[in-house]
Amino acid sequence: MIKRITMRRIGGSIGATLPKEMMDRLRVRPGDEMFVVETEDGLLLTPYDPTFEKSLKLYERFSRRYRNALRELA
């Protein structure tokens, strides 16, 4: 979906208003956190934390390495 939006001044910042159809599709509501990721192609706006996947991979590696100790602690 491609939509044209206008950047607006909001206090000392600049903001954009998302069309209702996009908000519904992304399942975001007013007050939700969004993440802006700078990519080679421009900016990516996403409701998903881009660092979460990295953290999950670190946890999986940790839990495999220490699975016996974690089992004993449980």
PDB file of N, CA and C in Angstrom:
ATOM      1  N   MET A   1       0.849  -1.171   0.000  1.00  0.00           N
ATOM      2  CA  MET A   1       0.000   0.000   0.000  1.00  0.00           C
ATOM      3  C   MET A   1       0.899   1.240   0.000  1.00  0.00           C
ATOM      4  N   ILE A   2       0.667   2.136  -0.892  1.00  0.00           N
ATOM      5  CA  ILE A   2       1.430   3.377  -0.980  1.00  0.00           C
ATOM      6  C   ILE A   2       0.476   4.535  -0.750  1.00  0.00           C
ATOM      7  N   LYS A   3       0.799   5.370   0.203  1.00  0.00           N
ATOM      8  CA  LYS A   3      -0.006   6.553   0.513  1.00  0.00           C
ATOM      9  C   LYS A   3       0.931   7.743   0.637  1.00  0.00           C
ATOM     10  N   ARG A   4       0.463   8.888   0.204  1.00  0.00           N
ATOM     11  CA  ARG A   4       1.228  10.122   0.368  1.00  0.00           C
ATOM     12  C   ARG A   4       0.798  10.756   1.685  1.00  0.00           C
ATOM     13  N   ILE A   5       1.787  11.149   2.488  1.00  0.00           N
ATOM     14  CA  ILE A   5       1.498  11.806   3.757  1.00  0.00           C
ATOM     15  C   ILE A   5       2.244  13.131   3.796  1.00  0.00           C
ATOM     16  N   THR A   6       1.806  14.014   4.653  1.00  0.00           N
ATOM     17  CA  THR A   6       2.436  15.319   4.801  1.00  0.00           C
ATOM     18  C   THR A   6       3.080  15.400   6.175  1.00  0.00           C
ATOM     19  N   MET A   7       4.318  15.848   6.211  1.00  0.00           N
ATOM     20  CA  MET A   7       5.012  16.040   7.477  1.00  0.00           C
ATOM     21  C   MET A   7       4.520  17.347   8.089  1.00  0.00           C
ATOM     22  N   ARG A   8       4.249  17.328   9.384  1.00  0.00           N
ATOM     23  CA  ARG A   8       3.723  18.502  10.080  1.00  0.00           C
ATOM     24  C   ARG A   8       4.564  18.794  11.317  1.00  0.00           C
ATOM     25  N   ARG A   9       4.635  20.055  11.655  1.00  0.00           N
ATOM     26  CA  ARG A   9       5.352  20.448  12.866  1.00  0.00           C
ATOM     27  C   ARG A   9       4.463  20.131  14.066  1.00  0.00           C
ATOM     28  N   ILE A  10       5.055  19.434  15.043  1.00  0.00           N
ATOM     29  CA  ILE A  10       4.355  19.100  16.284  1.00  0.00           C
ATOM     30  C   ILE A  10       5.285  19.525  17.417  1.00  0.00           C
ATOM     31  N   GLY A  11       5.060  20.695  17.970  1.00  0.00           N
ATOM     32  CA  GLY A  11       5.966  21.233  18.980  1.00  0.00           C
ATOM     33  C   GLY A  11       7.320  21.499  18.339  1.00  0.00           C
ATOM     34  N   GLY A  12       8.380  20.943  18.912  1.00  0.00           N
ATOM     35  CA  GLY A  12       9.725  21.107  18.362  1.00  0.00           C
ATOM     36  C   GLY A  12      10.107  19.991  17.414  1.00  0.00           C
ATOM     37  N   SER A  13       9.185  19.081  17.141  1.00  0.00           N
ATOM     38  CA  SER A  13       9.462  17.929  16.280  1.00  0.00           C
ATOM     39  C   SER A  13       8.645  18.020  14.998  1.00  0.00           C
ATOM     40  N   ILE A  14       8.847  17.055  14.149  1.00  0.00           N
ATOM     41  CA  ILE A  14       8.045  16.924  12.938  1.00  0.00           C
ATOM     42  C   ILE A  14       7.384  15.554  12.996  1.00  0.00           C
ATOM     43  N   GLY A  15       6.114  15.492  12.638  1.00  0.00           N
ATOM     44  CA  GLY A  15       5.381  14.231  12.691  1.00  0.00           C
ATOM     45  C   GLY A  15       4.562  14.021  11.439  1.00  0.00           C
ATOM     46  N   ALA A  16       4.072  12.814  11.295  1.00  0.00           N
ATOM     47  CA  ALA A  16       3.230  12.448  10.158  1.00  0.00           C
ATOM     48  C   ALA A  16       1.980  11.775  10.689  1.00  0.00           C
ATOM     49  N   THR A  17       0.893  11.948   9.973  1.00  0.00           N
ATOM     50  CA  THR A  17      -0.360  11.303  10.321  1.00  0.00           C
ATOM     51  C   THR A  17      -0.554  10.113   9.399  1.00  0.00           C
ATOM     52  N   LEU A  18      -0.781   8.940   9.990  1.00  0.00           N
ATOM     53  CA  LEU A  18      -0.998   7.741   9.184  1.00  0.00           C
ATOM     54  C   LEU A  18      -2.470   7.607   8.832  1.00  0.00           C
ATOM     55  N   PRO A  19      -2.768   7.214   7.607  1.00  0.00           N
ATOM     56  CA  PRO A  19      -4.164   6.985   7.236  1.00  0.00           C
ATOM     57  C   PRO A  19      -4.775   5.850   8.065  1.00  0.00           C
ATOM     58  N   LYS A  20      -6.074   5.912   8.307  1.00  0.00           N
ATOM     59  CA  LYS A  20      -6.771   4.926   9.120  1.00  0.00           C
ATOM     60  C   LYS A  20      -6.572   3.511   8.594  1.00  0.00           C
ATOM     61  N   GLU A  21      -6.600   3.337   7.270  1.00  0.00           N
ATOM     62  CA  GLU A  21      -6.436   1.985   6.699  1.00  0.00           C
ATOM     63  C   GLU A  21      -5.070   1.395   7.078  1.00  0.00           C
ATOM     64  N   MET A  22      -4.023   2.218   7.070  1.00  0.00           N
ATOM     65  CA  MET A  22      -2.688   1.738   7.448  1.00  0.00           C
ATOM     66  C   MET A  22      -2.638   1.395   8.928  1.00  0.00           C
ATOM     67  N   MET A  23      -3.232   2.243   9.749  1.00  0.00           N
ATOM     68  CA  MET A  23      -3.233   1.973  11.188  1.00  0.00           C
ATOM     69  C   MET A  23      -3.967   0.676  11.491  1.00  0.00           C
ATOM     70  N   ASP A  24      -5.076   0.440  10.798  1.00  0.00           N
ATOM     71  CA  ASP A  24      -5.824  -0.803  11.003  1.00  0.00           C
ATOM     72  C   ASP A  24      -5.002  -2.005  10.569  1.00  0.00           C
ATOM     73  N   ARG A  25      -4.345  -1.892   9.422  1.00  0.00           N
ATOM     74  CA  ARG A  25      -3.562  -3.007   8.890  1.00  0.00           C
ATOM     75  C   ARG A  25      -2.355  -3.318   9.784  1.00  0.00           C
ATOM     76  N   LEU A  26      -1.714  -2.267  10.306  1.00  0.00           N
ATOM     77  CA  LEU A  26      -0.555  -2.449  11.188  1.00  0.00           C
ATOM     78  C   LEU A  26      -0.960  -2.761  12.627  1.00  0.00           C
ATOM     79  N   ARG A  27      -2.262  -2.633  12.912  1.00  0.00           N
ATOM     80  CA  ARG A  27      -2.806  -2.866  14.257  1.00  0.00           C
ATOM     81  C   ARG A  27      -2.159  -1.946  15.296  1.00  0.00           C
ATOM     82  N   VAL A  28      -2.072  -0.667  14.945  1.00  0.00           N
ATOM     83  CA  VAL A  28      -1.545   0.319  15.887  1.00  0.00           C
ATOM     84  C   VAL A  28      -2.662   1.280  16.274  1.00  0.00           C
ATOM     85  N   ARG A  29      -2.561   1.781  17.477  1.00  0.00           N
ATOM     86  CA  ARG A  29      -3.542   2.702  18.019  1.00  0.00           C
ATOM     87  C   ARG A  29      -2.807   3.941  18.523  1.00  0.00           C
ATOM     88  N   PRO A  30      -3.516   5.035  18.730  1.00  0.00           N
ATOM     89  CA  PRO A  30      -2.871   6.222  19.296  1.00  0.00           C
ATOM     90  C   PRO A  30      -2.199   5.877  20.622  1.00  0.00           C
ATOM     91  N   GLY A  31      -0.971   6.317  20.785  1.00  0.00           N
ATOM     92  CA  GLY A  31      -0.208   6.033  22.006  1.00  0.00           C
ATOM     93  C   GLY A  31       0.718   4.836  21.893  1.00  0.00           C
ATOM     94  N   ASP A  32       0.550   3.991  20.865  1.00  0.00           N
ATOM     95  CA  ASP A  32       1.441   2.839  20.673  1.00  0.00           C
ATOM     96  C   ASP A  32       2.831   3.322  20.269  1.00  0.00           C
ATOM     97  N   GLU A  33       3.844   2.558  20.658  1.00  0.00           N
ATOM     98  CA  GLU A  33       5.212   2.863  20.234  1.00  0.00           C
ATOM     99  C   GLU A  33       5.449   2.320  18.839  1.00  0.00           C
ATOM    100  N   MET A  34       6.172   3.084  18.039  1.00  0.00           N
ATOM    101  CA  MET A  34       6.592   2.653  16.702  1.00  0.00           C
ATOM    102  C   MET A  34       8.097   2.805  16.652  1.00  0.00           C
ATOM    103  N   PHE A  35       8.725   2.083  15.769  1.00  0.00           N
ATOM    104  CA  PHE A  35      10.165   2.145  15.605  1.00  0.00           C
ATOM    105  C   PHE A  35      10.474   2.619  14.194  1.00  0.00           C
ATOM    106  N   VAL A  36      11.424   3.533  14.076  1.00  0.00           N
ATOM    107  CA  VAL A  36      11.876   4.019  12.782  1.00  0.00           C
ATOM    108  C   VAL A  36      13.283   3.491  12.582  1.00  0.00           C
ATOM    109  N   VAL A  37      13.472   2.751  11.489  1.00  0.00           N
ATOM    110  CA  VAL A  37      14.765   2.147  11.175  1.00  0.00           C
ATOM    111  C   VAL A  37      15.274   2.773   9.888  1.00  0.00           C
ATOM    112  N   GLU A  38      16.496   3.290   9.937  1.00  0.00           N
ATOM    113  CA  GLU A  38      17.114   3.868   8.749  1.00  0.00           C
ATOM    114  C   GLU A  38      17.708   2.728   7.924  1.00  0.00           C
ATOM    115  N   THR A  39      17.289   2.612   6.665  1.00  0.00           N
ATOM    116  CA  THR A  39      17.798   1.573   5.774  1.00  0.00           C
ATOM    117  C   THR A  39      18.451   2.229   4.558  1.00  0.00           C
ATOM    118  N   GLU A  40      19.038   1.419   3.699  1.00  0.00           N
ATOM    119  CA  GLU A  40      19.640   1.943   2.470  1.00  0.00           C
ATOM    120  C   GLU A  40      18.587   2.574   1.567  1.00  0.00           C
ATOM    121  N   ASP A  41      17.356   2.062   1.628  1.00  0.00           N
ATOM    122  CA  ASP A  41      16.282   2.540   0.765  1.00  0.00           C
ATOM    123  C   ASP A  41      15.494   3.698   1.360  1.00  0.00           C
ATOM    124  N   GLY A  42      15.747   4.050   2.598  1.00  0.00           N
ATOM    125  CA  GLY A  42      15.000   5.133   3.245  1.00  0.00           C
ATOM    126  C   GLY A  42      14.668   4.769   4.673  1.00  0.00           C
ATOM    127  N   LEU A  43      13.513   5.193   5.137  1.00  0.00           N
ATOM    128  CA  LEU A  43      13.088   4.920   6.508  1.00  0.00           C
ATOM    129  C   LEU A  43      12.048   3.809   6.533  1.00  0.00           C
ATOM    130  N   LEU A  44      12.156   2.940   7.529  1.00  0.00           N
ATOM    131  CA  LEU A  44      11.191   1.872   7.738  1.00  0.00           C
ATOM    132  C   LEU A  44      10.464   2.168   9.042  1.00  0.00           C
ATOM    133  N   LEU A  45       9.167   2.273   8.982  1.00  0.00           N
ATOM    134  CA  LEU A  45       8.333   2.509  10.162  1.00  0.00           C
ATOM    135  C   LEU A  45       7.647   1.206  10.508  1.00  0.00           C
ATOM    136  N   THR A  46       7.889   0.704  11.722  1.00  0.00           N
ATOM    137  CA  THR A  46       7.361  -0.604  12.099  1.00  0.00           C
ATOM    138  C   THR A  46       6.923  -0.607  13.559  1.00  0.00           C
ATOM    139  N   PRO A  47       5.881  -1.370  13.883  1.00  0.00           N
ATOM    140  CA  PRO A  47       5.476  -1.495  15.285  1.00  0.00           C
ATOM    141  C   PRO A  47       6.307  -2.552  16.023  1.00  0.00           C
ATOM    142  N   TYR A  48       7.181  -3.253  15.314  1.00  0.00           N
ATOM    143  CA  TYR A  48       7.958  -4.341  15.902  1.00  0.00           C
ATOM    144  C   TYR A  48       9.359  -3.869  16.258  1.00  0.00           C
ATOM    145  N   ASP A  49       9.824  -4.224  17.449  1.00  0.00           N
ATOM    146  CA  ASP A  49      11.141  -3.824  17.931  1.00  0.00           C
ATOM    147  C   ASP A  49      12.212  -4.562  17.130  1.00  0.00           C
ATOM    148  N   PRO A  50      13.042  -3.854  16.365  1.00  0.00           N
ATOM    149  CA  PRO A  50      14.053  -4.527  15.547  1.00  0.00           C
ATOM    150  C   PRO A  50      15.153  -5.199  16.366  1.00  0.00           C
ATOM    151  N   THR A  51      15.314  -4.824  17.637  1.00  0.00           N
ATOM    152  CA  THR A  51      16.343  -5.450  18.462  1.00  0.00           C
ATOM    153  C   THR A  51      15.830  -6.722  19.135  1.00  0.00           C
ATOM    154  N   PHE A  52      14.519  -6.966  19.090  1.00  0.00           N
ATOM    155  CA  PHE A  52      13.949  -8.133  19.752  1.00  0.00           C
ATOM    156  C   PHE A  52      14.490  -9.438  19.163  1.00  0.00           C
ATOM    157  N   GLU A  53      14.579  -9.516  17.836  1.00  0.00           N
ATOM    158  CA  GLU A  53      15.064 -10.737  17.199  1.00  0.00           C
ATOM    159  C   GLU A  53      16.504 -11.032  17.606  1.00  0.00           C
ATOM    160  N   LYS A  54      17.325  -9.993  17.686  1.00  0.00           N
ATOM    161  CA  LYS A  54      18.713 -10.175  18.109  1.00  0.00           C
ATOM    162  C   LYS A  54      18.756 -10.693  19.545  1.00  0.00           C
ATOM    163  N   SER A  55      17.919 -10.115  20.412  1.00  0.00           N
ATOM    164  CA  SER A  55      17.875 -10.550  21.810  1.00  0.00           C
ATOM    165  C   SER A  55      17.400 -11.993  21.918  1.00  0.00           C
ATOM    166  N   LEU A  56      16.418 -12.367  21.094  1.00  0.00           N
ATOM    167  CA  LEU A  56      15.905 -13.734  21.104  1.00  0.00           C
ATOM    168  C   LEU A  56      16.985 -14.725  20.679  1.00  0.00           C
ATOM    169  N   LYS A  57      17.763 -14.383  19.662  1.00  0.00           N
ATOM    170  CA  LYS A  57      18.849 -15.264  19.216  1.00  0.00           C
ATOM    171  C   LYS A  57      19.902 -15.424  20.300  1.00  0.00           C
ATOM    172  N   LEU A  58      20.217 -14.339  21.008  1.00  0.00           N
ATOM    173  CA  LEU A  58      21.177 -14.431  22.113  1.00  0.00           C
ATOM    174  C   LEU A  58      20.643 -15.337  23.213  1.00  0.00           C
ATOM    175  N   TYR A  59      19.355 -15.211  23.531  1.00  0.00           N
ATOM    176  CA  TYR A  59      18.747 -16.071  24.549  1.00  0.00           C
ATOM    177  C   TYR A  59      18.794 -17.537  24.125  1.00  0.00           C
ATOM    178  N   GLU A  60      18.469 -17.807  22.861  1.00  0.00           N
ATOM    179  CA  GLU A  60      18.475 -19.195  22.387  1.00  0.00           C
ATOM    180  C   GLU A  60      19.870 -19.799  22.495  1.00  0.00           C
ATOM    181  N   ARG A  61      20.891 -19.022  22.140  1.00  0.00           N
ATOM    182  CA  ARG A  61      22.265 -19.513  22.237  1.00  0.00           C
ATOM    183  C   ARG A  61      22.637 -19.775  23.700  1.00  0.00           C
ATOM    184  N   PHE A  62      22.256 -18.845  24.582  1.00  0.00           N
ATOM    185  CA  PHE A  62      22.529 -18.981  26.008  1.00  0.00           C
ATOM    186  C   PHE A  62      21.815 -20.200  26.577  1.00  0.00           C
ATOM    187  N   SER A  63      20.530 -20.365  26.232  1.00  0.00           N
ATOM    188  CA  SER A  63      19.761 -21.455  26.821  1.00  0.00           C
ATOM    189  C   SER A  63      20.247 -22.816  26.330  1.00  0.00           C
ATOM    190  N   ARG A  64      20.741 -22.890  25.090  1.00  0.00           N
ATOM    191  CA  ARG A  64      21.310 -24.159  24.612  1.00  0.00           C
ATOM    192  C   ARG A  64      22.589 -24.487  25.363  1.00  0.00           C
ATOM    193  N   ARG A  65      23.414 -23.473  25.562  1.00  0.00           N
ATOM    194  CA  ARG A  65      24.711 -23.698  26.198  1.00  0.00           C
ATOM    195  C   ARG A  65      24.548 -24.099  27.666  1.00  0.00           C
ATOM    196  N   TYR A  66      23.587 -23.491  28.352  1.00  0.00           N
ATOM    197  CA  TYR A  66      23.415 -23.736  29.781  1.00  0.00           C
ATOM    198  C   TYR A  66      22.123 -24.481  30.096  1.00  0.00           C
ATOM    199  N   ARG A  67      21.657 -25.335  29.180  1.00  0.00           N
ATOM    200  CA  ARG A  67      20.371 -26.001  29.382  1.00  0.00           C
ATOM    201  C   ARG A  67      20.353 -26.896  30.612  1.00  0.00           C
ATOM    202  N   ASN A  68      21.466 -27.568  30.895  1.00  0.00           N
ATOM    203  CA  ASN A  68      21.491 -28.446  32.071  1.00  0.00           C
ATOM    204  C   ASN A  68      21.387 -27.620  33.371  1.00  0.00           C
ATOM    205  N   ALA A  69      22.109 -26.526  33.415  1.00  0.00           N
ATOM    206  CA  ALA A  69      22.046 -25.670  34.612  1.00  0.00           C
ATOM    207  C   ALA A  69      20.654 -25.069  34.761  1.00  0.00           C
ATOM    208  N   LEU A  70      20.063 -24.639  33.671  1.00  0.00           N
ATOM    209  CA  LEU A  70      18.711 -24.074  33.739  1.00  0.00           C
ATOM    210  C   LEU A  70      17.691 -25.132  34.167  1.00  0.00           C
ATOM    211  N   ARG A  71      17.872 -26.362  33.724  1.00  0.00           N
ATOM    212  CA  ARG A  71      16.965 -27.442  34.113  1.00  0.00           C
ATOM    213  C   ARG A  71      17.081 -27.695  35.618  1.00  0.00           C
ATOM    214  N   GLU A  72      18.299 -27.665  36.149  1.00  0.00           N
ATOM    215  CA  GLU A  72      18.499 -27.862  37.592  1.00  0.00           C
ATOM    216  C   GLU A  72      17.877 -26.735  38.404  1.00  0.00           C
ATOM    217  N   LEU A  73      17.967 -25.500  37.903  1.00  0.00           N
ATOM    218  CA  LEU A  73      17.403 -24.364  38.604  1.00  0.00           C
ATOM    219  C   LEU A  73      15.886 -24.381  38.602  1.00  0.00           C
ATOM    220  N   ALA A  74      15.285 -24.986  37.583  1.00  0.00           N
ATOM    221  CA  ALA A  74      13.819 -25.014  37.477  1.00  0.00           C
ATOM    222  C   ALA A  74      13.286 -25.962  38.466  1.00  0.00           C
TER     223      ALA A  74
END
